[in-house]
Amino acid sequence: MKITVMDYGVGNLHSISKGLERAGGAVEVVSDPVELLKSECMVFPGVGAFGAAMAALRPVLPMLRDKILRDSTPTLGICLGMQILFERSEESRGEGLAVLKGDVRKLRAQRLPQMGWNDVIWKNDSLFDEIPQGSEFYFANSFVCNPAESIGIAETEYGQAFASAMRKGTLCGVQFHPEKSDVQGLRLLKNFVHLAEVSQ
């Protein structure tokens, strides 16, 4: 499975690329969003700001939406990468990819950002196959997704309860960083690569 990772111009792409390669994917990092339109599978990584990420994607926005929604291209959004899948965010003005209904809101917690390990309580979903319930994953976030549809497959608490993983068919998102989450993070990436492979 060839996995295309989008480079917004700000991020830690080495860790996610190596994680996906260890999970069995053949990774290509691209900075031109046009390359996403030719991809078998897409990953939106989790570093940067909502507005800057969307500015990078805006030239291909309608076509990218079609590719994700109409063509059901397997897609994984990580942290910020999950947030841009939604319609809008309190972090920046302007629209998101809007392939998921809902918005992104500032986390209601005394200390921001949330930095470090936290429990993830997940529902029965193949994205979490062979991962023990309540496993800890690494978070680095000040904003969380507020879905307007029933797509949440995991929950975490930090100041408030929030959806820490979502799935709608082959479209997946996690608020934590699997590439920084040791064995359980690698297992999740393997599960996503398998999901992408069997969907083709």
N, C-alpha and C. Protein backbone atom coordinates (compact mmCIF):
# COMPACT_ATOMS: atom_id res chain seq x y z
N MET A 1 0.84 -1.19 0.00
CA MET A 1 0.00 0.00 0.00
C MET A 1 0.88 1.25 0.00
N LYS A 2 0.71 2.09 -1.02
CA LYS A 2 1.45 3.35 -1.08
C LYS A 2 0.67 4.42 -0.32
N ILE A 3 1.33 5.01 0.66
CA ILE A 3 0.69 6.00 1.53
C ILE A 3 1.31 7.36 1.27
N THR A 4 0.47 8.34 0.96
CA THR A 4 0.94 9.69 0.69
C THR A 4 0.73 10.55 1.93
N VAL A 5 1.81 11.10 2.46
CA VAL A 5 1.76 11.95 3.65
C VAL A 5 1.91 13.40 3.22
N MET A 6 0.97 14.24 3.64
CA MET A 6 0.99 15.65 3.26
C MET A 6 1.91 16.45 4.16
N ASP A 7 2.80 17.21 3.55
CA ASP A 7 3.70 18.11 4.26
C ASP A 7 3.13 19.52 4.18
N TYR A 8 2.62 20.05 5.31
CA TYR A 8 2.08 21.41 5.34
C TYR A 8 3.18 22.46 5.42
N GLY A 9 4.43 22.02 5.58
CA GLY A 9 5.54 22.95 5.70
C GLY A 9 5.96 23.22 7.12
N VAL A 10 5.42 22.49 8.07
CA VAL A 10 5.79 22.75 9.47
C VAL A 10 6.11 21.50 10.25
N GLY A 11 6.16 20.42 9.94
CA GLY A 11 5.97 19.37 10.93
C GLY A 11 7.02 18.34 11.10
N ASN A 12 6.75 17.47 12.02
CA ASN A 12 7.61 16.33 12.30
C ASN A 12 7.16 15.18 11.41
N LEU A 13 7.70 15.12 10.20
CA LEU A 13 7.26 14.11 9.24
C LEU A 13 8.07 12.82 9.33
N HIS A 14 9.25 12.92 9.94
CA HIS A 14 10.12 11.74 10.01
C HIS A 14 9.47 10.63 10.85
N SER A 15 8.94 10.99 12.00
CA SER A 15 8.37 9.98 12.91
C SER A 15 7.18 9.27 12.29
N ILE A 16 6.26 10.04 11.69
CA ILE A 16 5.08 9.40 11.12
C ILE A 16 5.45 8.57 9.89
N SER A 17 6.40 9.04 9.10
CA SER A 17 6.83 8.27 7.93
C SER A 17 7.45 6.94 8.35
N LYS A 18 8.33 6.98 9.35
CA LYS A 18 8.97 5.75 9.83
C LYS A 18 7.94 4.82 10.46
N GLY A 19 6.98 5.39 11.20
CA GLY A 19 5.94 4.57 11.81
C GLY A 19 5.10 3.85 10.77
N LEU A 20 4.72 4.55 9.71
CA LEU A 20 3.92 3.93 8.65
C LEU A 20 4.72 2.90 7.88
N GLU A 21 6.02 3.15 7.69
CA GLU A 21 6.86 2.15 7.03
C GLU A 21 6.97 0.89 7.88
N ARG A 22 7.15 1.05 9.18
CA ARG A 22 7.21 -0.11 10.08
C ARG A 22 5.87 -0.84 10.11
N ALA A 23 4.79 -0.12 9.84
CA ALA A 23 3.46 -0.72 9.81
C ALA A 23 3.17 -1.43 8.49
N GLY A 24 4.11 -1.33 7.53
CA GLY A 24 3.94 -2.05 6.28
C GLY A 24 3.61 -1.20 5.08
N GLY A 25 3.58 0.12 5.24
CA GLY A 25 3.25 1.00 4.12
C GLY A 25 4.49 1.46 3.38
N ALA A 26 4.30 1.82 2.11
CA ALA A 26 5.35 2.46 1.32
C ALA A 26 5.01 3.95 1.30
N VAL A 27 5.85 4.76 1.93
CA VAL A 27 5.49 6.15 2.22
C VAL A 27 6.13 7.13 1.24
N GLU A 28 5.31 8.09 0.79
CA GLU A 28 5.80 9.21 0.00
C GLU A 28 5.31 10.50 0.66
N VAL A 29 6.24 11.39 0.97
CA VAL A 29 5.88 12.68 1.55
C VAL A 29 5.81 13.70 0.43
N VAL A 30 4.71 14.46 0.37
CA VAL A 30 4.53 15.45 -0.70
C VAL A 30 4.21 16.81 -0.10
N SER A 31 4.66 17.86 -0.76
CA SER A 31 4.31 19.22 -0.34
C SER A 31 3.34 19.87 -1.32
N ASP A 32 3.20 19.28 -2.50
CA ASP A 32 2.24 19.76 -3.49
C ASP A 32 0.94 18.99 -3.31
N PRO A 33 -0.15 19.66 -2.89
CA PRO A 33 -1.40 18.94 -2.62
C PRO A 33 -1.99 18.26 -3.85
N VAL A 34 -1.59 18.65 -5.04
CA VAL A 34 -2.06 17.98 -6.26
C VAL A 34 -1.69 16.50 -6.23
N GLU A 35 -0.55 16.18 -5.60
CA GLU A 35 -0.11 14.79 -5.52
C GLU A 35 -1.09 13.93 -4.72
N LEU A 36 -1.82 14.54 -3.79
CA LEU A 36 -2.80 13.79 -3.02
C LEU A 36 -3.90 13.21 -3.90
N LEU A 37 -4.19 13.90 -4.99
CA LEU A 37 -5.28 13.49 -5.86
C LEU A 37 -4.97 12.21 -6.61
N LYS A 38 -3.70 11.80 -6.61
CA LYS A 38 -3.30 10.56 -7.28
C LYS A 38 -3.02 9.43 -6.29
N SER A 39 -3.27 9.67 -5.02
CA SER A 39 -2.82 8.74 -3.99
C SER A 39 -3.77 7.57 -3.80
N GLU A 40 -3.21 6.45 -3.34
CA GLU A 40 -4.00 5.27 -2.95
C GLU A 40 -4.53 5.42 -1.54
N CYS A 41 -3.79 6.14 -0.72
CA CYS A 41 -4.08 6.26 0.71
C CYS A 41 -3.43 7.56 1.18
N MET A 42 -4.11 8.31 2.05
CA MET A 42 -3.60 9.61 2.49
C MET A 42 -3.46 9.68 4.00
N VAL A 43 -2.43 10.38 4.45
CA VAL A 43 -2.28 10.67 5.87
C VAL A 43 -2.03 12.17 6.03
N PHE A 44 -2.84 12.79 6.88
CA PHE A 44 -2.65 14.19 7.25
C PHE A 44 -2.02 14.22 8.64
N PRO A 45 -0.75 14.61 8.75
CA PRO A 45 -0.05 14.53 10.04
C PRO A 45 -0.48 15.61 11.01
N GLY A 46 0.08 15.53 12.23
CA GLY A 46 -0.50 16.28 13.33
C GLY A 46 0.31 17.43 13.87
N VAL A 47 0.99 18.16 13.06
CA VAL A 47 1.75 19.32 13.55
C VAL A 47 1.35 20.55 12.76
N GLY A 48 1.21 21.70 13.45
CA GLY A 48 0.90 22.94 12.75
C GLY A 48 -0.41 23.55 13.24
N ALA A 49 -0.90 24.51 12.49
CA ALA A 49 -2.14 25.22 12.83
C ALA A 49 -3.19 24.98 11.77
N PHE A 50 -4.44 25.02 12.18
CA PHE A 50 -5.57 24.73 11.30
C PHE A 50 -5.54 25.62 10.05
N GLY A 51 -5.38 26.92 10.24
CA GLY A 51 -5.42 27.85 9.12
C GLY A 51 -4.30 27.62 8.12
N ALA A 52 -3.09 27.37 8.62
CA ALA A 52 -1.95 27.14 7.73
C ALA A 52 -2.10 25.85 6.95
N ALA A 53 -2.58 24.80 7.62
CA ALA A 53 -2.79 23.53 6.94
C ALA A 53 -3.83 23.67 5.84
N MET A 54 -4.91 24.37 6.12
CA MET A 54 -5.96 24.53 5.11
C MET A 54 -5.50 25.43 3.97
N ALA A 55 -4.65 26.40 4.25
CA ALA A 55 -4.11 27.24 3.18
C ALA A 55 -3.31 26.39 2.20
N ALA A 56 -2.60 25.40 2.71
CA ALA A 56 -1.82 24.52 1.84
C ALA A 56 -2.72 23.63 0.99
N LEU A 57 -3.89 23.26 1.51
CA LEU A 57 -4.78 22.34 0.81
C LEU A 57 -5.81 23.04 -0.07
N ARG A 58 -6.01 24.33 0.16
CA ARG A 58 -7.10 25.05 -0.50
C ARG A 58 -7.09 24.96 -2.03
N PRO A 59 -5.92 24.94 -2.70
CA PRO A 59 -5.94 24.88 -4.17
C PRO A 59 -6.65 23.65 -4.74
N VAL A 60 -6.74 22.57 -3.94
CA VAL A 60 -7.36 21.34 -4.46
C VAL A 60 -8.57 20.92 -3.63
N LEU A 61 -9.12 21.85 -2.86
CA LEU A 61 -10.13 21.50 -1.87
C LEU A 61 -11.34 20.74 -2.44
N PRO A 62 -12.03 21.23 -3.47
CA PRO A 62 -13.20 20.48 -3.97
C PRO A 62 -12.83 19.09 -4.48
N MET A 63 -11.71 18.98 -5.17
CA MET A 63 -11.30 17.68 -5.71
C MET A 63 -10.86 16.73 -4.60
N LEU A 64 -10.24 17.28 -3.57
CA LEU A 64 -9.81 16.46 -2.45
C LEU A 64 -11.01 15.92 -1.68
N ARG A 65 -12.02 16.75 -1.49
CA ARG A 65 -13.26 16.29 -0.85
C ARG A 65 -13.87 15.14 -1.64
N ASP A 66 -13.93 15.28 -2.95
CA ASP A 66 -14.49 14.23 -3.79
C ASP A 66 -13.69 12.94 -3.65
N LYS A 67 -12.39 13.06 -3.62
CA LYS A 67 -11.54 11.87 -3.52
C LYS A 67 -11.79 11.12 -2.21
N ILE A 68 -11.95 11.85 -1.13
CA ILE A 68 -12.18 11.23 0.16
C ILE A 68 -13.60 10.68 0.27
N LEU A 69 -14.59 11.48 -0.13
CA LEU A 69 -15.98 11.11 0.07
C LEU A 69 -16.53 10.20 -1.04
N ARG A 70 -16.35 10.60 -2.27
CA ARG A 70 -16.92 9.83 -3.38
C ARG A 70 -16.10 8.60 -3.70
N ASP A 71 -14.77 8.75 -3.70
CA ASP A 71 -13.90 7.63 -4.06
C ASP A 71 -13.52 6.76 -2.87
N SER A 72 -13.89 7.19 -1.65
CA SER A 72 -13.59 6.44 -0.42
C SER A 72 -12.11 6.10 -0.29
N THR A 73 -11.24 7.04 -0.64
CA THR A 73 -9.80 6.84 -0.48
C THR A 73 -9.46 6.71 1.00
N PRO A 74 -8.80 5.63 1.42
CA PRO A 74 -8.45 5.49 2.84
C PRO A 74 -7.63 6.69 3.32
N THR A 75 -8.06 7.27 4.44
CA THR A 75 -7.46 8.51 4.94
C THR A 75 -7.32 8.43 6.45
N LEU A 76 -6.17 8.87 6.95
CA LEU A 76 -5.94 8.97 8.39
C LEU A 76 -5.53 10.39 8.73
N GLY A 77 -6.24 11.01 9.66
CA GLY A 77 -5.88 12.32 10.18
C GLY A 77 -5.36 12.17 11.59
N ILE A 78 -4.21 12.76 11.88
CA ILE A 78 -3.57 12.66 13.20
C ILE A 78 -3.52 14.04 13.85
N CYS A 79 -4.13 14.17 15.04
CA CYS A 79 -4.15 15.41 15.80
C CYS A 79 -4.70 16.56 14.94
N LEU A 80 -3.89 17.53 14.56
CA LEU A 80 -4.36 18.57 13.64
C LEU A 80 -4.94 17.95 12.37
N GLY A 81 -4.32 16.86 11.91
CA GLY A 81 -4.78 16.20 10.70
C GLY A 81 -6.21 15.68 10.81
N MET A 82 -6.64 15.30 12.02
CA MET A 82 -8.04 14.94 12.22
C MET A 82 -8.90 16.20 12.27
N GLN A 83 -8.40 17.24 12.91
CA GLN A 83 -9.20 18.46 13.06
C GLN A 83 -9.56 19.09 11.72
N ILE A 84 -8.64 19.06 10.75
CA ILE A 84 -8.94 19.69 9.46
C ILE A 84 -9.97 18.91 8.65
N LEU A 85 -10.30 17.68 9.08
CA LEU A 85 -11.34 16.92 8.39
C LEU A 85 -12.73 17.50 8.65
N PHE A 86 -12.83 18.36 9.68
CA PHE A 86 -14.13 18.92 10.07
C PHE A 86 -14.41 20.24 9.35
N GLU A 87 -15.58 20.82 9.63
CA GLU A 87 -16.06 21.97 8.87
C GLU A 87 -15.35 23.27 9.24
N ARG A 88 -15.02 23.44 10.53
CA ARG A 88 -14.41 24.71 10.97
C ARG A 88 -13.72 24.50 12.31
N SER A 89 -12.91 25.49 12.71
CA SER A 89 -12.21 25.40 14.00
C SER A 89 -12.16 26.76 14.68
N GLU A 90 -12.22 26.75 16.00
CA GLU A 90 -12.04 27.98 16.77
C GLU A 90 -10.61 28.49 16.70
N GLU A 91 -9.69 27.65 16.26
CA GLU A 91 -8.28 28.06 16.21
C GLU A 91 -8.02 29.08 15.12
N SER A 92 -8.68 28.91 13.97
CA SER A 92 -8.43 29.78 12.81
C SER A 92 -9.72 30.00 12.05
N ARG A 93 -9.83 31.12 11.39
CA ARG A 93 -10.99 31.39 10.55
C ARG A 93 -10.88 30.59 9.26
N GLY A 94 -12.01 30.38 8.62
CA GLY A 94 -12.01 29.68 7.34
C GLY A 94 -12.49 28.24 7.48
N GLU A 95 -12.83 27.66 6.34
CA GLU A 95 -13.40 26.32 6.35
C GLU A 95 -12.35 25.23 6.41
N GLY A 96 -12.75 24.08 6.93
CA GLY A 96 -11.93 22.89 6.91
C GLY A 96 -12.24 22.06 5.68
N LEU A 97 -11.72 20.85 5.65
CA LEU A 97 -12.02 19.95 4.54
C LEU A 97 -13.50 19.61 4.48
N ALA A 98 -14.15 19.60 5.65
CA ALA A 98 -15.60 19.38 5.74
C ALA A 98 -16.02 18.03 5.17
N VAL A 99 -15.17 17.01 5.38
CA VAL A 99 -15.57 15.65 5.01
C VAL A 99 -16.20 14.96 6.22
N LEU A 100 -16.13 15.61 7.38
CA LEU A 100 -16.85 15.18 8.57
C LEU A 100 -17.65 16.36 9.09
N LYS A 101 -18.86 16.10 9.57
CA LYS A 101 -19.72 17.16 10.08
C LYS A 101 -19.36 17.47 11.53
N GLY A 102 -19.27 18.78 11.83
CA GLY A 102 -18.94 19.21 13.17
C GLY A 102 -17.84 20.26 13.15
N ASP A 103 -17.38 20.63 14.34
CA ASP A 103 -16.35 21.67 14.42
C ASP A 103 -15.28 21.30 15.44
N VAL A 104 -14.31 22.18 15.58
CA VAL A 104 -13.18 21.97 16.48
C VAL A 104 -13.19 23.09 17.51
N ARG A 105 -13.09 22.73 18.78
CA ARG A 105 -13.21 23.71 19.85
C ARG A 105 -12.03 23.63 20.81
N LYS A 106 -11.76 24.76 21.48
CA LYS A 106 -10.67 24.79 22.45
C LYS A 106 -10.99 23.87 23.61
N LEU A 107 -10.01 23.11 24.03
CA LEU A 107 -10.16 22.18 25.13
C LEU A 107 -10.41 22.93 26.43
N ARG A 108 -11.42 22.51 27.17
CA ARG A 108 -11.75 23.15 28.45
C ARG A 108 -10.95 22.47 29.56
N ALA A 109 -9.74 22.98 29.78
CA ALA A 109 -8.87 22.41 30.81
C ALA A 109 -8.06 23.54 31.43
N GLN A 110 -7.63 23.37 32.67
CA GLN A 110 -6.89 24.42 33.37
C GLN A 110 -5.52 24.65 32.76
N ARG A 111 -4.91 23.60 32.25
CA ARG A 111 -3.56 23.72 31.70
C ARG A 111 -3.57 23.27 30.24
N LEU A 112 -3.12 24.16 29.37
CA LEU A 112 -3.03 23.86 27.94
C LEU A 112 -1.63 24.20 27.43
N PRO A 113 -1.13 23.47 26.46
CA PRO A 113 -1.77 22.32 25.83
C PRO A 113 -1.71 21.08 26.71
N GLN A 114 -2.54 20.09 26.37
CA GLN A 114 -2.37 18.76 26.94
C GLN A 114 -1.11 18.16 26.32
N MET A 115 -0.14 17.84 27.14
CA MET A 115 1.12 17.28 26.64
C MET A 115 1.45 16.03 27.43
N GLY A 116 1.51 14.90 26.75
CA GLY A 116 1.93 13.68 27.42
C GLY A 116 0.94 12.54 27.23
N TRP A 117 1.11 11.53 28.06
CA TRP A 117 0.36 10.28 27.93
C TRP A 117 -1.00 10.39 28.60
N ASN A 118 -2.01 9.78 27.97
CA ASN A 118 -3.35 9.76 28.54
C ASN A 118 -4.08 8.51 28.07
N ASP A 119 -5.04 8.08 28.89
CA ASP A 119 -5.81 6.87 28.56
C ASP A 119 -6.73 7.11 27.37
N VAL A 120 -6.92 6.06 26.60
CA VAL A 120 -7.89 6.06 25.51
C VAL A 120 -8.83 4.87 25.73
N ILE A 121 -10.10 5.17 25.91
CA ILE A 121 -11.12 4.13 26.08
C ILE A 121 -11.87 4.00 24.77
N TRP A 122 -11.71 2.85 24.11
CA TRP A 122 -12.24 2.71 22.76
C TRP A 122 -13.40 1.73 22.69
N LYS A 123 -14.23 1.94 21.68
CA LYS A 123 -15.33 1.02 21.38
C LYS A 123 -14.79 -0.09 20.48
N ASN A 124 -15.63 -1.07 20.24
CA ASN A 124 -15.23 -2.19 19.38
C ASN A 124 -15.06 -1.70 17.95
N ASP A 125 -13.82 -1.56 17.52
CA ASP A 125 -13.53 -1.11 16.16
C ASP A 125 -12.19 -1.70 15.74
N SER A 126 -12.09 -2.09 14.47
CA SER A 126 -10.88 -2.76 13.99
C SER A 126 -9.65 -1.86 14.02
N LEU A 127 -9.83 -0.54 14.12
CA LEU A 127 -8.69 0.36 14.23
C LEU A 127 -7.91 0.08 15.53
N PHE A 128 -8.60 -0.49 16.53
CA PHE A 128 -7.97 -0.78 17.82
C PHE A 128 -7.76 -2.28 18.05
N ASP A 129 -7.80 -3.08 17.01
CA ASP A 129 -7.57 -4.52 17.15
C ASP A 129 -6.24 -4.80 17.85
N GLU A 130 -6.27 -5.73 18.80
CA GLU A 130 -5.09 -6.19 19.53
C GLU A 130 -4.44 -5.11 20.40
N ILE A 131 -5.19 -4.05 20.68
CA ILE A 131 -4.71 -3.01 21.60
C ILE A 131 -5.51 -3.13 22.89
N PRO A 132 -4.85 -3.30 24.03
CA PRO A 132 -5.57 -3.45 25.30
C PRO A 132 -6.42 -2.23 25.61
N GLN A 133 -7.62 -2.50 26.11
CA GLN A 133 -8.53 -1.41 26.48
C GLN A 133 -7.87 -0.50 27.52
N GLY A 134 -8.03 0.81 27.35
CA GLY A 134 -7.47 1.76 28.29
C GLY A 134 -5.99 2.04 28.10
N SER A 135 -5.42 1.59 26.99
CA SER A 135 -4.01 1.86 26.72
C SER A 135 -3.76 3.36 26.67
N GLU A 136 -2.55 3.78 27.01
CA GLU A 136 -2.18 5.19 26.95
C GLU A 136 -1.53 5.51 25.60
N PHE A 137 -1.87 6.69 25.10
CA PHE A 137 -1.29 7.22 23.87
C PHE A 137 -0.77 8.63 24.16
N TYR A 138 0.10 9.12 23.28
CA TYR A 138 0.74 10.42 23.51
C TYR A 138 -0.07 11.53 22.84
N PHE A 139 -0.42 12.55 23.63
CA PHE A 139 -1.20 13.69 23.16
C PHE A 139 -0.36 14.97 23.19
N ALA A 140 -0.67 15.90 22.29
CA ALA A 140 -0.10 17.25 22.29
C ALA A 140 -1.12 18.16 21.62
N ASN A 141 -2.10 18.64 22.38
CA ASN A 141 -3.20 19.38 21.76
C ASN A 141 -3.85 20.38 22.71
N SER A 142 -4.38 21.44 22.11
CA SER A 142 -5.17 22.43 22.84
C SER A 142 -6.61 22.48 22.33
N PHE A 143 -6.88 21.79 21.22
CA PHE A 143 -8.20 21.79 20.60
C PHE A 143 -8.66 20.35 20.42
N VAL A 144 -9.99 20.17 20.42
CA VAL A 144 -10.57 18.84 20.23
C VAL A 144 -11.75 18.93 19.26
N CYS A 145 -12.05 17.80 18.65
CA CYS A 145 -13.12 17.74 17.66
C CYS A 145 -14.47 17.53 18.34
N ASN A 146 -15.48 18.17 17.79
CA ASN A 146 -16.84 18.08 18.29
C ASN A 146 -17.73 17.59 17.13
N PRO A 147 -17.80 16.27 16.92
CA PRO A 147 -18.53 15.75 15.76
C PRO A 147 -20.03 15.95 15.89
N ALA A 148 -20.67 16.20 14.75
CA ALA A 148 -22.12 16.35 14.71
C ALA A 148 -22.79 15.09 14.17
N GLU A 149 -22.03 14.00 14.12
CA GLU A 149 -22.56 12.70 13.70
C GLU A 149 -21.93 11.63 14.58
N SER A 150 -22.51 10.45 14.60
CA SER A 150 -22.07 9.39 15.51
C SER A 150 -20.89 8.62 14.91
N ILE A 151 -19.71 9.22 15.02
CA ILE A 151 -18.51 8.63 14.43
C ILE A 151 -17.41 8.39 15.45
N GLY A 152 -17.64 8.81 16.71
CA GLY A 152 -16.62 8.63 17.73
C GLY A 152 -16.42 7.16 18.07
N ILE A 153 -15.18 6.69 18.08
CA ILE A 153 -14.89 5.31 18.43
C ILE A 153 -13.99 5.20 19.66
N ALA A 154 -13.58 6.34 20.23
CA ALA A 154 -12.77 6.32 21.45
C ALA A 154 -12.95 7.63 22.20
N GLU A 155 -12.72 7.58 23.51
CA GLU A 155 -12.91 8.77 24.34
C GLU A 155 -11.74 8.89 25.32
N THR A 156 -11.42 10.14 25.63
CA THR A 156 -10.35 10.47 26.57
C THR A 156 -10.83 11.63 27.45
N GLU A 157 -10.29 11.74 28.65
CA GLU A 157 -10.62 12.86 29.53
C GLU A 157 -9.39 13.69 29.83
N TYR A 158 -9.53 14.99 29.63
CA TYR A 158 -8.52 15.96 30.05
C TYR A 158 -9.26 17.28 30.22
N GLY A 159 -9.69 17.56 31.44
CA GLY A 159 -10.52 18.73 31.69
C GLY A 159 -11.97 18.48 31.31
N GLN A 160 -12.17 17.71 30.27
CA GLN A 160 -13.48 17.32 29.78
C GLN A 160 -13.32 15.99 29.03
N ALA A 161 -14.42 15.31 28.84
CA ALA A 161 -14.40 14.13 28.00
C ALA A 161 -14.49 14.58 26.54
N PHE A 162 -13.69 13.95 25.68
CA PHE A 162 -13.75 14.30 24.26
C PHE A 162 -13.47 13.05 23.41
N ALA A 163 -13.93 13.12 22.18
CA ALA A 163 -13.71 12.01 21.24
C ALA A 163 -12.25 12.04 20.80
N SER A 164 -11.51 10.98 21.13
CA SER A 164 -10.09 10.94 20.79
C SER A 164 -9.79 10.09 19.57
N ALA A 165 -10.80 9.43 19.01
CA ALA A 165 -10.64 8.73 17.74
C ALA A 165 -12.00 8.65 17.07
N MET A 166 -11.99 8.73 15.75
CA MET A 166 -13.21 8.70 14.96
C MET A 166 -13.01 7.86 13.72
N ARG A 167 -14.12 7.32 13.23
CA ARG A 167 -14.04 6.56 11.99
C ARG A 167 -15.37 6.63 11.25
N LYS A 168 -15.26 6.83 9.95
CA LYS A 168 -16.44 6.81 9.07
C LYS A 168 -16.01 6.06 7.81
N GLY A 169 -16.26 4.77 7.78
CA GLY A 169 -15.79 3.95 6.66
C GLY A 169 -14.28 3.85 6.66
N THR A 170 -13.66 4.28 5.56
CA THR A 170 -12.20 4.26 5.46
C THR A 170 -11.57 5.59 5.87
N LEU A 171 -12.38 6.48 6.41
CA LEU A 171 -11.90 7.78 6.89
C LEU A 171 -11.72 7.71 8.41
N CYS A 172 -10.48 7.83 8.86
CA CYS A 172 -10.15 7.65 10.28
C CYS A 172 -9.45 8.89 10.82
N GLY A 173 -9.62 9.14 12.10
CA GLY A 173 -8.92 10.23 12.74
C GLY A 173 -8.61 9.91 14.18
N VAL A 174 -7.45 10.35 14.66
CA VAL A 174 -7.08 10.18 16.06
C VAL A 174 -6.52 11.51 16.58
N GLN A 175 -6.89 11.86 17.81
CA GLN A 175 -6.41 13.12 18.39
C GLN A 175 -5.00 12.98 18.95
N PHE A 176 -4.61 11.76 19.27
CA PHE A 176 -3.28 11.50 19.80
C PHE A 176 -2.29 11.24 18.66
N HIS A 177 -1.02 11.02 19.03
CA HIS A 177 0.03 10.78 18.04
C HIS A 177 0.47 9.32 18.11
N PRO A 178 -0.05 8.46 17.23
CA PRO A 178 0.38 7.05 17.28
C PRO A 178 1.87 6.88 17.01
N GLU A 179 2.44 7.77 16.21
CA GLU A 179 3.87 7.65 15.88
C GLU A 179 4.77 7.95 17.07
N LYS A 180 4.19 8.49 18.15
CA LYS A 180 4.96 8.77 19.38
C LYS A 180 4.47 7.91 20.54
N SER A 181 3.67 6.90 20.23
CA SER A 181 2.97 6.13 21.27
C SER A 181 3.44 4.69 21.40
N ASP A 182 4.70 4.45 21.07
CA ASP A 182 5.35 3.18 21.34
C ASP A 182 4.60 2.02 20.67
N VAL A 183 4.52 0.88 21.36
CA VAL A 183 4.00 -0.35 20.77
C VAL A 183 2.54 -0.22 20.35
N GLN A 184 1.72 0.42 21.20
CA GLN A 184 0.30 0.53 20.88
C GLN A 184 0.06 1.47 19.69
N GLY A 185 0.88 2.49 19.58
CA GLY A 185 0.76 3.38 18.43
C GLY A 185 1.11 2.68 17.13
N LEU A 186 2.17 1.87 17.15
CA LEU A 186 2.54 1.11 15.95
C LEU A 186 1.45 0.12 15.59
N ARG A 187 0.85 -0.50 16.60
CA ARG A 187 -0.24 -1.45 16.34
C ARG A 187 -1.40 -0.74 15.64
N LEU A 188 -1.73 0.46 16.10
CA LEU A 188 -2.82 1.21 15.47
C LEU A 188 -2.48 1.55 14.03
N LEU A 189 -1.24 1.96 13.76
CA LEU A 189 -0.85 2.25 12.38
C LEU A 189 -0.92 1.00 11.52
N LYS A 190 -0.53 -0.15 12.05
CA LYS A 190 -0.65 -1.40 11.31
C LYS A 190 -2.12 -1.71 11.01
N ASN A 191 -2.98 -1.46 11.99
CA ASN A 191 -4.41 -1.69 11.77
C ASN A 191 -4.96 -0.79 10.68
N PHE A 192 -4.50 0.48 10.65
CA PHE A 192 -4.95 1.38 9.60
C PHE A 192 -4.46 0.93 8.23
N VAL A 193 -3.20 0.54 8.14
CA VAL A 193 -2.66 0.07 6.85
C VAL A 193 -3.42 -1.16 6.37
N HIS A 194 -3.75 -2.07 7.28
CA HIS A 194 -4.53 -3.26 6.91
C HIS A 194 -5.92 -2.85 6.42
N LEU A 195 -6.55 -1.93 7.16
CA LEU A 195 -7.86 -1.42 6.76
C LEU A 195 -7.81 -0.83 5.35
N ALA A 196 -6.76 -0.07 5.08
CA ALA A 196 -6.60 0.55 3.76
C ALA A 196 -6.41 -0.51 2.68
N GLU A 197 -5.63 -1.52 2.99
CA GLU A 197 -5.33 -2.57 1.99
C GLU A 197 -6.58 -3.36 1.62
N VAL A 198 -7.37 -3.74 2.62
CA VAL A 198 -8.54 -4.57 2.33
C VAL A 198 -9.67 -3.78 1.68
N SER A 199 -9.59 -2.45 1.76
CA SER A 199 -10.64 -1.63 1.14
C SER A 199 -10.43 -1.46 -0.35
N GLN A 200 -9.24 -1.80 -0.85
CA GLN A 200 -8.92 -1.59 -2.27
C GLN A 200 -9.50 -2.69 -3.15
